[in-house]
């Protein structure tokens, strides 16, 4: 049993190294854009997220994406952490097709991204908890783990 666990652990570690890159990118496992020295931005600087309630019917999630980085369209998830509201629709740009070293051909976003989340009120509490998940990579081959952010907003 222990031998199987060790083999499985080595296999999983190998997958992580392969997914994150090799050599100069191996420091990427620490979550740290390549500045020409083999260093990468921390995920919160590579993808700067701000979430704002527009009114009681909509929320805007905005990302400033650092040069040399991109977010994947199919890796976004939005959910609400309470029963006060329901998501009625999402408005996202189409995205740009890229050939990613890790994930293959994917629709992605570079530069800036705005997502509009339309809400339907269920209970009159004046607040909502938005759960946002996303994932992105550096053009140099570093892929960050999926990010999961919870934001409480007053509407």
N, C-alpha and C. Protein backbone atom coordinates (compact mmCIF):
# COMPACT_ATOMS: atom_id res chain seq x y z
N UNK A 1 0.83 -1.20 0.00
CA UNK A 1 0.00 0.00 0.00
C UNK A 1 0.87 1.26 0.00
N UNK A 2 1.90 1.28 0.85
CA UNK A 2 2.78 2.45 0.91
C UNK A 2 3.53 2.62 -0.41
N UNK A 3 3.95 1.50 -1.01
CA UNK A 3 4.65 1.57 -2.29
C UNK A 3 3.75 2.19 -3.36
N UNK A 4 2.49 1.79 -3.41
CA UNK A 4 1.56 2.36 -4.38
C UNK A 4 1.37 3.85 -4.14
N UNK A 5 1.31 4.26 -2.87
CA UNK A 5 1.14 5.66 -2.53
C UNK A 5 2.35 6.47 -2.98
N UNK A 6 3.57 5.94 -2.79
CA UNK A 6 4.78 6.63 -3.22
C UNK A 6 4.80 6.79 -4.73
N UNK A 7 4.45 5.72 -5.46
CA UNK A 7 4.43 5.78 -6.92
C UNK A 7 3.41 6.80 -7.38
N UNK A 8 2.22 6.79 -6.76
CA UNK A 8 1.18 7.76 -7.13
C UNK A 8 1.66 9.18 -6.83
N UNK A 9 2.34 9.40 -5.72
CA UNK A 9 2.84 10.73 -5.37
C UNK A 9 3.87 11.21 -6.38
N UNK A 10 4.76 10.33 -6.78
CA UNK A 10 5.78 10.68 -7.77
C UNK A 10 5.12 11.01 -9.10
N UNK A 11 4.10 10.23 -9.49
CA UNK A 11 3.38 10.46 -10.73
C UNK A 11 2.71 11.83 -10.70
N UNK A 12 2.03 12.16 -9.61
CA UNK A 12 1.34 13.46 -9.48
C UNK A 12 2.35 14.60 -9.53
N UNK A 13 3.48 14.46 -8.85
CA UNK A 13 4.52 15.48 -8.87
C UNK A 13 5.04 15.66 -10.30
N UNK A 14 5.21 14.57 -11.02
CA UNK A 14 5.65 14.65 -12.41
C UNK A 14 4.66 15.40 -13.28
N UNK A 15 3.37 15.16 -13.06
CA UNK A 15 2.35 15.88 -13.81
C UNK A 15 2.40 17.37 -13.51
N UNK A 16 2.60 17.73 -12.24
CA UNK A 16 2.69 19.15 -11.88
C UNK A 16 3.87 19.82 -12.57
N UNK A 17 5.01 19.17 -12.57
CA UNK A 17 6.19 19.73 -13.21
C UNK A 17 5.95 19.87 -14.71
N UNK A 18 5.33 18.87 -15.34
CA UNK A 18 5.05 18.93 -16.78
C UNK A 18 4.07 20.04 -17.09
N UNK A 19 3.05 20.21 -16.25
CA UNK A 19 2.04 21.25 -16.49
C UNK A 19 2.61 22.64 -16.31
N UNK A 20 3.54 22.79 -15.40
CA UNK A 20 4.08 24.12 -15.10
C UNK A 20 5.31 24.45 -15.92
N UNK A 21 5.89 23.49 -16.58
CA UNK A 21 7.07 23.75 -17.38
C UNK A 21 8.30 23.18 -16.71
N UNK A 22 9.40 23.26 -17.42
CA UNK A 22 10.64 22.71 -16.92
C UNK A 22 11.71 23.79 -16.90
N UNK A 23 12.87 23.46 -16.35
CA UNK A 23 14.03 24.36 -16.38
C UNK A 23 13.76 25.68 -15.71
N UNK A 24 13.88 26.78 -16.50
CA UNK A 24 13.75 28.11 -15.92
C UNK A 24 12.35 28.36 -15.37
N UNK A 25 11.36 27.60 -15.82
CA UNK A 25 10.00 27.80 -15.34
C UNK A 25 9.67 26.93 -14.13
N UNK A 26 10.60 26.12 -13.67
CA UNK A 26 10.29 25.24 -12.56
C UNK A 26 10.00 26.00 -11.28
N UNK A 27 10.48 27.24 -11.16
CA UNK A 27 10.14 28.07 -10.01
C UNK A 27 8.67 28.45 -10.03
N UNK A 28 8.01 28.19 -11.14
CA UNK A 28 6.59 28.52 -11.28
C UNK A 28 5.73 27.76 -10.29
N UNK A 29 6.19 26.64 -9.79
CA UNK A 29 5.40 25.89 -8.81
C UNK A 29 5.11 26.74 -7.59
N UNK A 30 5.92 27.73 -7.31
CA UNK A 30 5.68 28.59 -6.15
C UNK A 30 4.62 29.64 -6.44
N UNK A 31 4.10 29.69 -7.66
CA UNK A 31 3.07 30.66 -8.02
C UNK A 31 3.62 32.03 -8.33
N UNK A 32 4.94 32.10 -8.42
CA UNK A 32 5.51 33.38 -8.68
C UNK A 32 5.64 33.52 -10.19
N UNK A 33 5.13 36.99 -14.25
CA UNK A 33 5.42 37.14 -15.64
C UNK A 33 6.89 37.10 -15.76
N UNK A 34 7.25 36.47 -16.62
CA UNK A 34 8.66 36.36 -16.88
C UNK A 34 9.21 37.76 -17.12
N UNK A 35 10.19 38.17 -16.35
CA UNK A 35 10.79 39.49 -16.50
C UNK A 35 12.14 39.39 -17.20
N UNK A 36 12.33 38.29 -17.92
CA UNK A 36 13.59 38.08 -18.61
C UNK A 36 14.61 37.37 -17.75
N UNK A 37 14.31 37.17 -16.48
CA UNK A 37 15.22 36.50 -15.56
C UNK A 37 14.66 35.16 -15.11
N UNK A 38 13.63 34.66 -15.80
CA UNK A 38 13.04 33.39 -15.42
C UNK A 38 12.09 33.51 -14.24
N UNK A 39 11.70 34.74 -13.89
CA UNK A 39 10.78 34.95 -12.77
C UNK A 39 9.40 35.28 -13.33
N UNK A 40 8.38 34.93 -12.58
CA UNK A 40 7.01 35.17 -13.00
C UNK A 40 6.28 36.00 -11.96
N UNK A 41 5.26 36.74 -12.41
CA UNK A 41 4.45 37.52 -11.50
C UNK A 41 3.62 36.61 -10.60
N UNK A 42 3.38 37.03 -9.38
CA UNK A 42 2.40 36.31 -8.57
C UNK A 42 1.05 36.38 -9.28
N UNK A 43 0.22 35.40 -9.09
CA UNK A 43 -1.06 35.31 -9.81
C UNK A 43 -1.91 36.56 -9.61
N UNK A 44 -1.90 37.15 -8.43
CA UNK A 44 -2.74 38.34 -8.18
C UNK A 44 -2.23 39.58 -8.91
N UNK A 45 -0.97 39.56 -9.41
CA UNK A 45 -0.46 40.67 -10.22
C UNK A 45 -0.55 40.35 -11.71
N UNK A 46 -0.52 39.08 -12.06
CA UNK A 46 -0.69 38.68 -13.45
C UNK A 46 -2.13 38.92 -13.91
N UNK A 47 -3.08 38.71 -12.98
CA UNK A 47 -4.52 38.85 -13.29
C UNK A 47 -5.16 39.66 -12.17
N UNK A 48 -5.20 40.99 -12.33
CA UNK A 48 -5.74 41.87 -11.29
C UNK A 48 -7.26 41.94 -11.45
N UNK A 49 -7.97 41.44 -10.46
CA UNK A 49 -9.43 41.35 -10.50
C UNK A 49 -10.06 42.42 -9.63
N UNK A 50 -11.09 43.11 -10.17
CA UNK A 50 -11.91 44.01 -9.36
C UNK A 50 -13.37 43.69 -9.69
N UNK A 51 -14.18 43.62 -8.66
CA UNK A 51 -15.60 43.29 -8.80
C UNK A 51 -16.41 44.42 -8.22
N UNK A 52 -17.43 44.86 -8.99
CA UNK A 52 -18.22 46.01 -8.57
C UNK A 52 -19.70 45.77 -8.89
N UNK A 53 -20.56 46.08 -7.92
CA UNK A 53 -22.00 46.04 -8.16
C UNK A 53 -22.38 47.29 -8.94
N UNK A 54 -23.01 47.13 -10.09
CA UNK A 54 -23.46 48.27 -10.88
C UNK A 54 -24.77 48.83 -10.33
N UNK A 55 -25.65 47.92 -9.95
CA UNK A 55 -26.94 48.24 -9.34
C UNK A 55 -27.46 46.94 -8.74
N UNK A 56 -28.73 46.87 -8.36
CA UNK A 56 -29.23 45.65 -7.73
C UNK A 56 -29.50 44.53 -8.73
N UNK A 57 -29.24 44.79 -10.02
CA UNK A 57 -29.48 43.77 -11.04
C UNK A 57 -28.23 43.33 -11.79
N UNK A 58 -27.07 43.95 -11.51
CA UNK A 58 -25.89 43.54 -12.25
C UNK A 58 -24.59 43.81 -11.50
N UNK A 59 -23.62 42.97 -11.81
CA UNK A 59 -22.27 43.04 -11.26
C UNK A 59 -21.30 43.01 -12.43
N UNK A 60 -20.22 43.78 -12.34
CA UNK A 60 -19.15 43.72 -13.34
C UNK A 60 -17.89 43.17 -12.69
N UNK A 61 -17.33 42.14 -13.31
CA UNK A 61 -16.03 41.62 -12.91
C UNK A 61 -15.04 42.09 -13.97
N UNK A 62 -13.98 42.79 -13.55
CA UNK A 62 -13.00 43.36 -14.46
C UNK A 62 -11.62 42.80 -14.14
N UNK A 63 -10.91 42.36 -15.18
CA UNK A 63 -9.53 41.90 -15.03
C UNK A 63 -8.61 42.78 -15.83
N UNK A 64 -7.49 43.20 -15.22
CA UNK A 64 -6.35 43.78 -15.92
C UNK A 64 -5.35 42.64 -16.03
N UNK A 65 -5.08 42.21 -17.26
CA UNK A 65 -4.22 41.06 -17.51
C UNK A 65 -2.85 41.56 -17.95
N UNK A 66 -1.82 41.19 -17.23
CA UNK A 66 -0.46 41.65 -17.51
C UNK A 66 -0.01 41.21 -18.90
N UNK A 67 0.89 42.02 -19.50
CA UNK A 67 1.46 41.67 -20.80
C UNK A 67 2.12 40.30 -20.71
N UNK A 68 1.88 39.48 -21.72
CA UNK A 68 2.48 38.15 -21.76
C UNK A 68 1.67 37.09 -21.03
N UNK A 69 0.48 37.42 -20.58
CA UNK A 69 -0.39 36.49 -19.86
C UNK A 69 -1.76 36.45 -20.53
N UNK A 70 -2.51 35.40 -20.27
CA UNK A 70 -3.87 35.29 -20.80
C UNK A 70 -4.73 34.45 -19.87
N UNK A 71 -6.04 34.70 -19.93
CA UNK A 71 -7.04 33.92 -19.18
C UNK A 71 -7.84 33.09 -20.18
N UNK A 72 -8.25 31.90 -19.76
CA UNK A 72 -9.00 31.00 -20.63
C UNK A 72 -10.50 31.18 -20.46
N UNK A 73 -11.21 31.32 -21.57
CA UNK A 73 -12.66 31.51 -21.53
C UNK A 73 -13.37 30.32 -20.88
N UNK A 74 -12.94 29.11 -21.18
CA UNK A 74 -13.64 27.93 -20.66
C UNK A 74 -13.31 27.61 -19.20
N UNK A 75 -12.45 28.39 -18.58
CA UNK A 75 -12.08 28.14 -17.18
C UNK A 75 -12.83 29.07 -16.22
N UNK A 76 -13.69 29.95 -16.75
CA UNK A 76 -14.46 30.84 -15.88
C UNK A 76 -15.68 30.14 -15.33
N UNK A 77 -15.95 30.38 -14.06
CA UNK A 77 -17.17 29.93 -13.41
C UNK A 77 -17.63 31.03 -12.47
N UNK A 78 -18.93 31.28 -12.47
CA UNK A 78 -19.52 32.26 -11.56
C UNK A 78 -20.69 31.60 -10.85
N UNK A 79 -20.76 31.77 -9.55
CA UNK A 79 -21.86 31.23 -8.75
C UNK A 79 -22.13 32.19 -7.61
N UNK A 80 -23.27 32.04 -7.00
CA UNK A 80 -23.63 32.87 -5.86
C UNK A 80 -23.59 32.03 -4.60
N UNK A 81 -23.09 32.64 -3.54
CA UNK A 81 -22.89 31.92 -2.28
C UNK A 81 -24.06 32.01 -1.33
N UNK A 82 -25.20 32.47 -1.81
CA UNK A 82 -26.38 32.57 -0.95
C UNK A 82 -27.62 32.46 -1.83
N UNK A 83 -28.79 32.45 -1.20
CA UNK A 83 -30.05 32.31 -1.95
C UNK A 83 -30.76 33.64 -2.18
N UNK A 84 -30.07 34.75 -1.96
CA UNK A 84 -30.71 36.05 -2.10
C UNK A 84 -30.92 36.45 -3.56
N UNK A 85 -30.05 35.96 -4.45
CA UNK A 85 -30.12 36.28 -5.88
C UNK A 85 -29.81 35.03 -6.68
N UNK A 86 -30.18 35.08 -7.97
CA UNK A 86 -29.81 34.05 -8.93
C UNK A 86 -29.14 34.75 -10.11
N UNK A 87 -28.21 34.06 -10.74
CA UNK A 87 -27.59 34.59 -11.96
C UNK A 87 -28.56 34.34 -13.11
N UNK A 88 -28.97 35.42 -13.78
CA UNK A 88 -29.89 35.26 -14.91
C UNK A 88 -29.16 35.20 -16.25
N UNK A 89 -28.00 35.86 -16.35
CA UNK A 89 -27.20 35.77 -17.59
C UNK A 89 -25.79 36.29 -17.35
N UNK A 90 -24.89 35.87 -18.25
CA UNK A 90 -23.50 36.34 -18.26
C UNK A 90 -23.22 36.94 -19.63
N UNK A 91 -22.52 38.07 -19.65
CA UNK A 91 -22.10 38.67 -20.91
C UNK A 91 -20.58 38.73 -20.92
N UNK A 92 -19.97 37.94 -21.84
CA UNK A 92 -18.51 37.89 -21.99
C UNK A 92 -18.16 38.11 -23.45
N UNK A 93 -17.04 38.78 -23.72
CA UNK A 93 -16.58 38.90 -25.11
C UNK A 93 -16.26 37.52 -25.68
N UNK A 94 -16.20 37.42 -26.99
CA UNK A 94 -15.94 36.13 -27.65
C UNK A 94 -14.57 35.56 -27.27
N UNK A 95 -13.56 36.40 -27.21
CA UNK A 95 -12.22 35.91 -26.92
C UNK A 95 -11.41 35.72 -28.19
N UNK A 96 -10.14 35.41 -28.01
CA UNK A 96 -9.19 35.23 -29.11
C UNK A 96 -8.67 33.80 -29.05
N UNK A 97 -8.65 33.12 -30.20
CA UNK A 97 -8.14 31.75 -30.25
C UNK A 97 -6.61 31.78 -30.20
N UNK A 98 -6.05 31.02 -29.28
CA UNK A 98 -4.59 30.89 -29.19
C UNK A 98 -4.23 29.42 -29.14
N UNK A 99 -2.98 29.12 -29.48
CA UNK A 99 -2.48 27.77 -29.33
C UNK A 99 -1.60 27.76 -28.09
N UNK A 100 -2.13 27.20 -27.02
CA UNK A 100 -1.44 27.17 -25.74
C UNK A 100 -0.53 25.95 -25.66
N UNK A 101 0.65 26.12 -25.07
CA UNK A 101 1.61 25.03 -24.94
C UNK A 101 1.10 23.89 -24.07
N UNK A 102 0.24 24.21 -23.12
CA UNK A 102 -0.26 23.19 -22.18
C UNK A 102 -1.62 22.67 -22.58
N UNK A 103 -2.57 23.56 -22.89
CA UNK A 103 -3.96 23.18 -23.10
C UNK A 103 -4.38 23.07 -24.57
N UNK A 104 -3.52 23.41 -25.52
CA UNK A 104 -3.89 23.34 -26.93
C UNK A 104 -4.62 24.59 -27.39
N UNK A 105 -5.47 24.46 -28.41
CA UNK A 105 -6.23 25.60 -28.94
C UNK A 105 -7.34 25.98 -27.97
N UNK A 106 -7.32 27.24 -27.53
CA UNK A 106 -8.29 27.72 -26.54
C UNK A 106 -8.68 29.16 -26.84
N UNK A 107 -9.94 29.50 -26.55
CA UNK A 107 -10.34 30.90 -26.55
C UNK A 107 -9.79 31.53 -25.28
N UNK A 108 -9.20 32.72 -25.43
CA UNK A 108 -8.58 33.36 -24.28
C UNK A 108 -8.74 34.86 -24.35
N UNK A 109 -8.33 35.51 -23.26
CA UNK A 109 -8.40 36.97 -23.15
C UNK A 109 -7.04 37.51 -22.77
N UNK A 110 -6.69 38.65 -23.36
CA UNK A 110 -5.45 39.37 -23.04
C UNK A 110 -5.79 40.82 -22.77
N UNK A 111 -4.95 41.53 -22.06
CA UNK A 111 -5.14 42.97 -21.82
C UNK A 111 -6.16 43.25 -20.74
N UNK A 112 -7.40 43.46 -21.14
CA UNK A 112 -8.48 43.72 -20.18
C UNK A 112 -9.68 42.87 -20.52
N UNK A 113 -10.44 42.55 -19.51
CA UNK A 113 -11.67 41.76 -19.69
C UNK A 113 -12.73 42.26 -18.74
N UNK A 114 -13.93 42.47 -19.28
CA UNK A 114 -15.09 42.81 -18.47
C UNK A 114 -16.16 41.74 -18.67
N UNK A 115 -16.67 41.23 -17.57
CA UNK A 115 -17.78 40.27 -17.59
C UNK A 115 -18.93 40.90 -16.83
N UNK A 116 -20.11 40.94 -17.47
CA UNK A 116 -21.30 41.47 -16.81
C UNK A 116 -22.16 40.30 -16.36
N UNK A 117 -22.48 40.28 -15.07
CA UNK A 117 -23.29 39.22 -14.47
C UNK A 117 -24.63 39.83 -14.11
N UNK A 118 -25.68 39.40 -14.80
CA UNK A 118 -27.03 39.91 -14.52
C UNK A 118 -27.67 39.05 -13.45
N UNK A 119 -28.38 39.71 -12.53
CA UNK A 119 -28.96 39.03 -11.37
C UNK A 119 -30.48 39.13 -11.36
N UNK A 120 -31.08 38.14 -10.73
CA UNK A 120 -32.51 38.14 -10.45
C UNK A 120 -32.66 38.05 -8.94
N UNK A 121 -33.36 39.02 -8.36
CA UNK A 121 -33.53 39.08 -6.91
C UNK A 121 -34.53 38.01 -6.45
N UNK A 122 -34.17 37.27 -5.39
CA UNK A 122 -35.06 36.27 -4.80
C UNK A 122 -35.54 36.77 -3.43
N UNK A 123 -34.60 37.22 -2.60
CA UNK A 123 -34.89 37.78 -1.28
C UNK A 123 -34.37 39.21 -1.21
N UNK A 124 -35.03 40.04 -0.47
CA UNK A 124 -34.65 41.45 -0.39
C UNK A 124 -33.68 41.67 0.78
N UNK A 125 -32.41 41.30 0.59
CA UNK A 125 -31.42 41.48 1.65
C UNK A 125 -30.42 42.58 1.34
N UNK A 126 -30.29 42.96 0.07
CA UNK A 126 -29.37 44.02 -0.30
C UNK A 126 -27.92 43.61 -0.39
N UNK A 127 -27.63 42.31 -0.30
CA UNK A 127 -26.25 41.86 -0.44
C UNK A 127 -26.21 40.55 -1.22
N UNK A 128 -25.05 40.28 -1.79
CA UNK A 128 -24.84 39.04 -2.53
C UNK A 128 -23.39 38.62 -2.38
N UNK A 129 -23.15 37.33 -2.38
CA UNK A 129 -21.79 36.79 -2.36
C UNK A 129 -21.54 36.16 -3.73
N UNK A 130 -20.57 36.71 -4.47
CA UNK A 130 -20.21 36.20 -5.78
C UNK A 130 -18.98 35.32 -5.65
N UNK A 131 -19.09 34.08 -6.16
CA UNK A 131 -17.95 33.16 -6.21
C UNK A 131 -17.44 33.14 -7.65
N UNK A 132 -16.18 33.54 -7.82
CA UNK A 132 -15.57 33.65 -9.14
C UNK A 132 -14.39 32.70 -9.23
N UNK A 133 -14.36 31.89 -10.30
CA UNK A 133 -13.23 31.00 -10.55
C UNK A 133 -12.70 31.28 -11.96
N UNK A 134 -11.37 31.23 -12.10
CA UNK A 134 -10.73 31.47 -13.39
C UNK A 134 -9.35 30.87 -13.38
N UNK A 135 -8.75 30.72 -14.59
CA UNK A 135 -7.40 30.19 -14.70
C UNK A 135 -6.72 30.82 -15.90
N UNK A 136 -5.42 31.06 -15.77
CA UNK A 136 -4.64 31.63 -16.86
C UNK A 136 -3.21 31.14 -16.87
N UNK A 137 -2.51 31.55 -17.92
CA UNK A 137 -1.12 31.13 -18.10
C UNK A 137 -0.27 32.29 -18.62
N UNK A 138 1.03 32.12 -18.50
CA UNK A 138 2.00 33.00 -19.12
C UNK A 138 2.32 32.45 -20.50
N UNK A 139 2.64 33.33 -21.43
CA UNK A 139 3.06 32.89 -22.76
C UNK A 139 4.35 32.07 -22.69
N UNK A 140 5.08 32.18 -21.60
CA UNK A 140 6.34 31.45 -21.43
C UNK A 140 6.12 30.03 -20.92
N UNK A 141 4.85 29.62 -20.73
CA UNK A 141 4.59 28.23 -20.37
C UNK A 141 4.12 27.98 -18.96
N UNK A 142 4.14 28.98 -18.10
CA UNK A 142 3.66 28.81 -16.72
C UNK A 142 2.15 28.87 -16.68
N UNK A 143 1.51 27.86 -16.16
CA UNK A 143 0.06 27.88 -15.96
C UNK A 143 -0.22 27.88 -14.46
N UNK A 144 -0.99 28.87 -14.05
CA UNK A 144 -1.35 29.00 -12.64
C UNK A 144 -2.47 28.03 -12.30
N UNK A 145 -2.55 27.60 -11.07
CA UNK A 145 -3.69 26.77 -10.68
C UNK A 145 -4.98 27.60 -10.74
N UNK A 146 -6.13 26.94 -10.85
CA UNK A 146 -7.39 27.69 -10.85
C UNK A 146 -7.50 28.57 -9.60
N UNK A 147 -8.02 29.78 -9.80
CA UNK A 147 -8.20 30.74 -8.70
C UNK A 147 -9.68 30.75 -8.32
N UNK A 148 -9.95 30.82 -7.02
CA UNK A 148 -11.32 30.84 -6.51
C UNK A 148 -11.43 32.02 -5.55
N UNK A 149 -12.27 33.00 -5.91
CA UNK A 149 -12.41 34.23 -5.13
C UNK A 149 -13.87 34.40 -4.72
N UNK A 150 -14.10 34.73 -3.45
CA UNK A 150 -15.43 35.06 -2.97
C UNK A 150 -15.47 36.55 -2.61
N UNK A 151 -16.51 37.24 -3.12
CA UNK A 151 -16.65 38.67 -2.88
C UNK A 151 -18.07 38.95 -2.40
N UNK A 152 -18.19 39.62 -1.25
CA UNK A 152 -19.50 40.05 -0.77
C UNK A 152 -19.75 41.47 -1.25
N UNK A 153 -20.90 41.68 -1.87
CA UNK A 153 -21.25 42.98 -2.43
C UNK A 153 -22.57 43.48 -1.88
N UNK A 154 -22.63 44.75 -1.59
CA UNK A 154 -23.89 45.39 -1.21
C UNK A 154 -24.56 45.88 -2.49
N UNK A 155 -25.85 45.56 -2.62
CA UNK A 155 -26.57 45.98 -3.84
C UNK A 155 -27.60 47.04 -3.48
